[in-house]
Amino acid sequence: MRDKNYTWIKVADHLDELDFAGNNIAVVEVKGKKLCIGKFNSKAFSFVYQCPHAGGILADGYIDALGNVVCPVHRYKYSLQNGRNVSGEGYYLTTWPVEIRDTGVYIGMDEKTGLFDWLK
């Protein structure tokens, strides 16, 4: 993930301290904005808090057996790997890289577009 210029923002000291609420999705705040962190196959992924379709809270959804986050409102599915909608509706989920380091859990934000341009 180091091929882009990211600003790495620490969101926790350890992945274990995040509340994954039984569905492998935790909510973190970065500069006052909520993001989700999902766990699948011993990896962590970060994605937007709300579904781009109807605004469902993705932290209330779940991660399916194939590694897709499933929105609780209409069951739209998005790949944790790249944010692509895999259930056929054509939406795209904004995602960010996550790094687990000795010093903590970090989310990489793209410097070129600004940290929160995706919220506009």
C-alpha atoms as a PDB file:
ATOM      1  CA  MET A   1       0.000   0.000   0.000  1.00  0.00           C
ATOM      2  CA  ARG A   2       2.996   2.295   0.172  1.00  0.00           C
ATOM      3  CA  ASP A   3       2.876   3.067  -3.580  1.00  0.00           C
ATOM      4  CA  LYS A   4       0.652   6.132  -3.000  1.00  0.00           C
ATOM      5  CA  ASN A   5       1.249   9.176  -0.854  1.00  0.00           C
ATOM      6  CA  TYR A   6      -0.999   8.587   2.126  1.00  0.00           C
ATOM      7  CA  THR A   7      -1.366  10.465   5.344  1.00  0.00           C
ATOM      8  CA  TRP A   8      -1.485   7.678   7.923  1.00  0.00           C
ATOM      9  CA  ILE A   9      -3.835   8.403  10.796  1.00  0.00           C
ATOM     10  CA  LYS A  10      -3.681   6.323  13.947  1.00  0.00           C
ATOM     11  CA  VAL A  11      -7.134   5.123  15.047  1.00  0.00           C
ATOM     12  CA  ALA A  12      -6.213   2.665  17.822  1.00  0.00           C
ATOM     13  CA  ASP A  13      -3.249   1.269  19.725  1.00  0.00           C
ATOM     14  CA  HIS A  14      -4.297  -2.309  18.906  1.00  0.00           C
ATOM     15  CA  LEU A  15      -6.957  -3.896  16.709  1.00  0.00           C
ATOM     16  CA  ASP A  16      -8.199  -5.760  19.806  1.00  0.00           C
ATOM     17  CA  GLU A  17      -9.301  -2.524  21.467  1.00  0.00           C
ATOM     18  CA  LEU A  18     -11.855  -1.754  18.746  1.00  0.00           C
ATOM     19  CA  ASP A  19     -15.454  -2.846  19.358  1.00  0.00           C
ATOM     20  CA  PHE A  20     -16.300  -5.216  16.503  1.00  0.00           C
ATOM     21  CA  ALA A  21     -19.771  -5.868  18.000  1.00  0.00           C
ATOM     22  CA  GLY A  22     -19.977  -9.502  16.863  1.00  0.00           C
ATOM     23  CA  ASN A  23     -20.242  -8.642  13.156  1.00  0.00           C
ATOM     24  CA  ASN A  24     -16.532  -7.925  12.494  1.00  0.00           C
ATOM     25  CA  ILE A  25     -17.246  -4.219  11.862  1.00  0.00           C
ATOM     26  CA  ALA A  26     -16.061  -1.460  14.199  1.00  0.00           C
ATOM     27  CA  VAL A  27     -16.629   2.285  14.027  1.00  0.00           C
ATOM     28  CA  VAL A  28     -13.764   4.750  14.451  1.00  0.00           C
ATOM     29  CA  GLU A  29     -13.624   8.517  14.264  1.00  0.00           C
ATOM     30  CA  VAL A  30     -11.075  10.358  12.162  1.00  0.00           C
ATOM     31  CA  LYS A  31     -11.141  14.123  12.655  1.00  0.00           C
ATOM     32  CA  GLY A  32     -14.754  13.999  13.823  1.00  0.00           C
ATOM     33  CA  LYS A  33     -16.006  11.777  10.971  1.00  0.00           C
ATOM     34  CA  LYS A  34     -17.125   8.171  11.393  1.00  0.00           C
ATOM     35  CA  LEU A  35     -15.505   5.388   9.362  1.00  0.00           C
ATOM     36  CA  CYS A  36     -15.813   1.615   9.579  1.00  0.00           C
ATOM     37  CA  ILE A  37     -13.068  -0.946  10.014  1.00  0.00           C
ATOM     38  CA  GLY A  38     -13.932  -4.482   8.997  1.00  0.00           C
ATOM     39  CA  LYS A  39     -12.032  -7.696   9.755  1.00  0.00           C
ATOM     40  CA  PHE A  40     -11.931 -10.599   7.338  1.00  0.00           C
ATOM     41  CA  ASN A  41      -9.411 -13.478   7.104  1.00  0.00           C
ATOM     42  CA  SER A  42      -7.026 -11.842   9.599  1.00  0.00           C
ATOM     43  CA  LYS A  43      -6.932  -8.589   7.603  1.00  0.00           C
ATOM     44  CA  ALA A  44      -8.434  -5.182   8.329  1.00  0.00           C
ATOM     45  CA  PHE A  45     -10.192  -2.898   5.845  1.00  0.00           C
ATOM     46  CA  SER A  46     -11.594   0.609   6.170  1.00  0.00           C
ATOM     47  CA  PHE A  47     -14.697   1.915   4.412  1.00  0.00           C
ATOM     48  CA  VAL A  48     -17.356   4.614   4.676  1.00  0.00           C
ATOM     49  CA  TYR A  49     -19.873   4.609   7.511  1.00  0.00           C
ATOM     50  CA  GLN A  50     -22.965   4.903   5.304  1.00  0.00           C
ATOM     51  CA  CYS A  51     -23.998   2.948   2.235  1.00  0.00           C
ATOM     52  CA  PRO A  52     -23.805   5.055  -0.958  1.00  0.00           C
ATOM     53  CA  HIS A  53     -27.209   3.745  -2.079  1.00  0.00           C
ATOM     54  CA  ALA A  54     -29.654   4.709   0.667  1.00  0.00           C
ATOM     55  CA  GLY A  55     -27.458   5.787   3.580  1.00  0.00           C
ATOM     56  CA  GLY A  56     -27.753   2.605   5.627  1.00  0.00           C
ATOM     57  CA  ILE A  57     -25.288   2.397   8.512  1.00  0.00           C
ATOM     58  CA  LEU A  58     -22.776  -0.208   7.347  1.00  0.00           C
ATOM     59  CA  ALA A  59     -21.639  -0.899  10.915  1.00  0.00           C
ATOM     60  CA  ASP A  60     -25.126  -2.366  11.446  1.00  0.00           C
ATOM     61  CA  GLY A  61     -24.582  -4.777   8.552  1.00  0.00           C
ATOM     62  CA  TYR A  62     -22.201  -7.702   8.423  1.00  0.00           C
ATOM     63  CA  ILE A  63     -19.318  -9.225   6.495  1.00  0.00           C
ATOM     64  CA  ASP A  64     -20.350 -12.279   4.489  1.00  0.00           C
ATOM     65  CA  ALA A  65     -18.360 -15.488   3.914  1.00  0.00           C
ATOM     66  CA  LEU A  66     -16.786 -14.056   0.725  1.00  0.00           C
ATOM     67  CA  GLY A  67     -15.437 -10.899   2.372  1.00  0.00           C
ATOM     68  CA  ASN A  68     -18.127  -8.455   1.320  1.00  0.00           C
ATOM     69  CA  VAL A  69     -19.711  -5.888   3.603  1.00  0.00           C
ATOM     70  CA  VAL A  70     -23.498  -6.205   3.417  1.00  0.00           C
ATOM     71  CA  CYS A  71     -25.676  -3.149   3.966  1.00  0.00           C
ATOM     72  CA  PRO A  72     -28.477  -3.770   6.489  1.00  0.00           C
ATOM     73  CA  VAL A  73     -31.082  -1.770   4.528  1.00  0.00           C
ATOM     74  CA  HIS A  74     -31.272  -3.404   1.074  1.00  0.00           C
ATOM     75  CA  ARG A  75     -28.553  -6.079   1.413  1.00  0.00           C
ATOM     76  CA  TYR A  76     -26.304  -4.489  -1.217  1.00  0.00           C
ATOM     77  CA  LYS A  77     -22.848  -6.069  -1.076  1.00  0.00           C
ATOM     78  CA  TYR A  78     -19.466  -4.388  -1.474  1.00  0.00           C
ATOM     79  CA  SER A  79     -16.004  -5.934  -1.728  1.00  0.00           C
ATOM     80  CA  LEU A  80     -13.746  -5.052   1.193  1.00  0.00           C
ATOM     81  CA  GLN A  81     -10.793  -5.348  -1.188  1.00  0.00           C
ATOM     82  CA  ASN A  82     -11.763  -2.564  -3.600  1.00  0.00           C
ATOM     83  CA  GLY A  83     -15.206  -1.198  -2.671  1.00  0.00           C
ATOM     84  CA  ARG A  84     -16.911  -2.480  -5.808  1.00  0.00           C
ATOM     85  CA  ASN A  85     -20.561  -3.403  -5.581  1.00  0.00           C
ATOM     86  CA  VAL A  86     -20.739  -7.177  -6.131  1.00  0.00           C
ATOM     87  CA  SER A  87     -24.506  -7.627  -5.991  1.00  0.00           C
ATOM     88  CA  GLY A  88     -25.061  -5.872  -9.311  1.00  0.00           C
ATOM     89  CA  GLU A  89     -26.489  -2.472  -8.450  1.00  0.00           C
ATOM     90  CA  GLY A  90     -23.499  -0.468  -9.726  1.00  0.00           C
ATOM     91  CA  TYR A  91     -22.575   1.505  -6.609  1.00  0.00           C
ATOM     92  CA  TYR A  92     -19.065   1.996  -5.287  1.00  0.00           C
ATOM     93  CA  LEU A  93     -17.995   2.029  -1.658  1.00  0.00           C
ATOM     94  CA  THR A  94     -15.148   4.362  -0.697  1.00  0.00           C
ATOM     95  CA  THR A  95     -12.363   2.405   1.007  1.00  0.00           C
ATOM     96  CA  TRP A  96      -8.989   3.203   2.557  1.00  0.00           C
ATOM     97  CA  PRO A  97      -5.962   1.044   3.300  1.00  0.00           C
ATOM     98  CA  VAL A  98      -5.368  -0.108   6.860  1.00  0.00           C
ATOM     99  CA  GLU A  99      -1.972  -0.916   8.307  1.00  0.00           C
ATOM    100  CA  ILE A 100      -1.438  -2.794  11.536  1.00  0.00           C
ATOM    101  CA  ARG A 101       1.910  -1.690  12.950  1.00  0.00           C
ATOM    102  CA  ASP A 102       3.739  -2.249  16.221  1.00  0.00           C
ATOM    103  CA  THR A 103       2.688   1.287  17.164  1.00  0.00           C
ATOM    104  CA  GLY A 104      -1.008   0.880  16.363  1.00  0.00           C
ATOM    105  CA  VAL A 105      -3.749   0.676  13.735  1.00  0.00           C
ATOM    106  CA  TYR A 106      -3.529   3.271  10.945  1.00  0.00           C
ATOM    107  CA  ILE A 107      -5.848   4.313   8.108  1.00  0.00           C
ATOM    108  CA  GLY A 108      -4.219   5.776   4.979  1.00  0.00           C
ATOM    109  CA  MET A 109      -5.905   8.834   3.516  1.00  0.00           C
ATOM    110  CA  ASP A 110      -4.964  10.005   0.016  1.00  0.00           C
ATOM    111  CA  GLU A 111      -3.152  13.345   0.244  1.00  0.00           C
ATOM    112  CA  LYS A 112      -3.988  14.357  -3.320  1.00  0.00           C
ATOM    113  CA  THR A 113      -7.747  14.573  -2.862  1.00  0.00           C
ATOM    114  CA  GLY A 114      -7.761  15.842   0.701  1.00  0.00           C
ATOM    115  CA  LEU A 115      -8.726  13.883   3.748  1.00  0.00           C
ATOM    116  CA  PHE A 116     -12.452  14.414   3.562  1.00  0.00           C
ATOM    117  CA  ASP A 117     -13.325  15.262  -0.032  1.00  0.00           C
ATOM    118  CA  TRP A 118     -15.369  12.027  -0.109  1.00  0.00           C
ATOM    119  CA  LEU A 119     -17.817  13.605   2.358  1.00  0.00           C
ATOM    120  CA  LYS A 120     -18.819  16.453   0.047  1.00  0.00           C
END
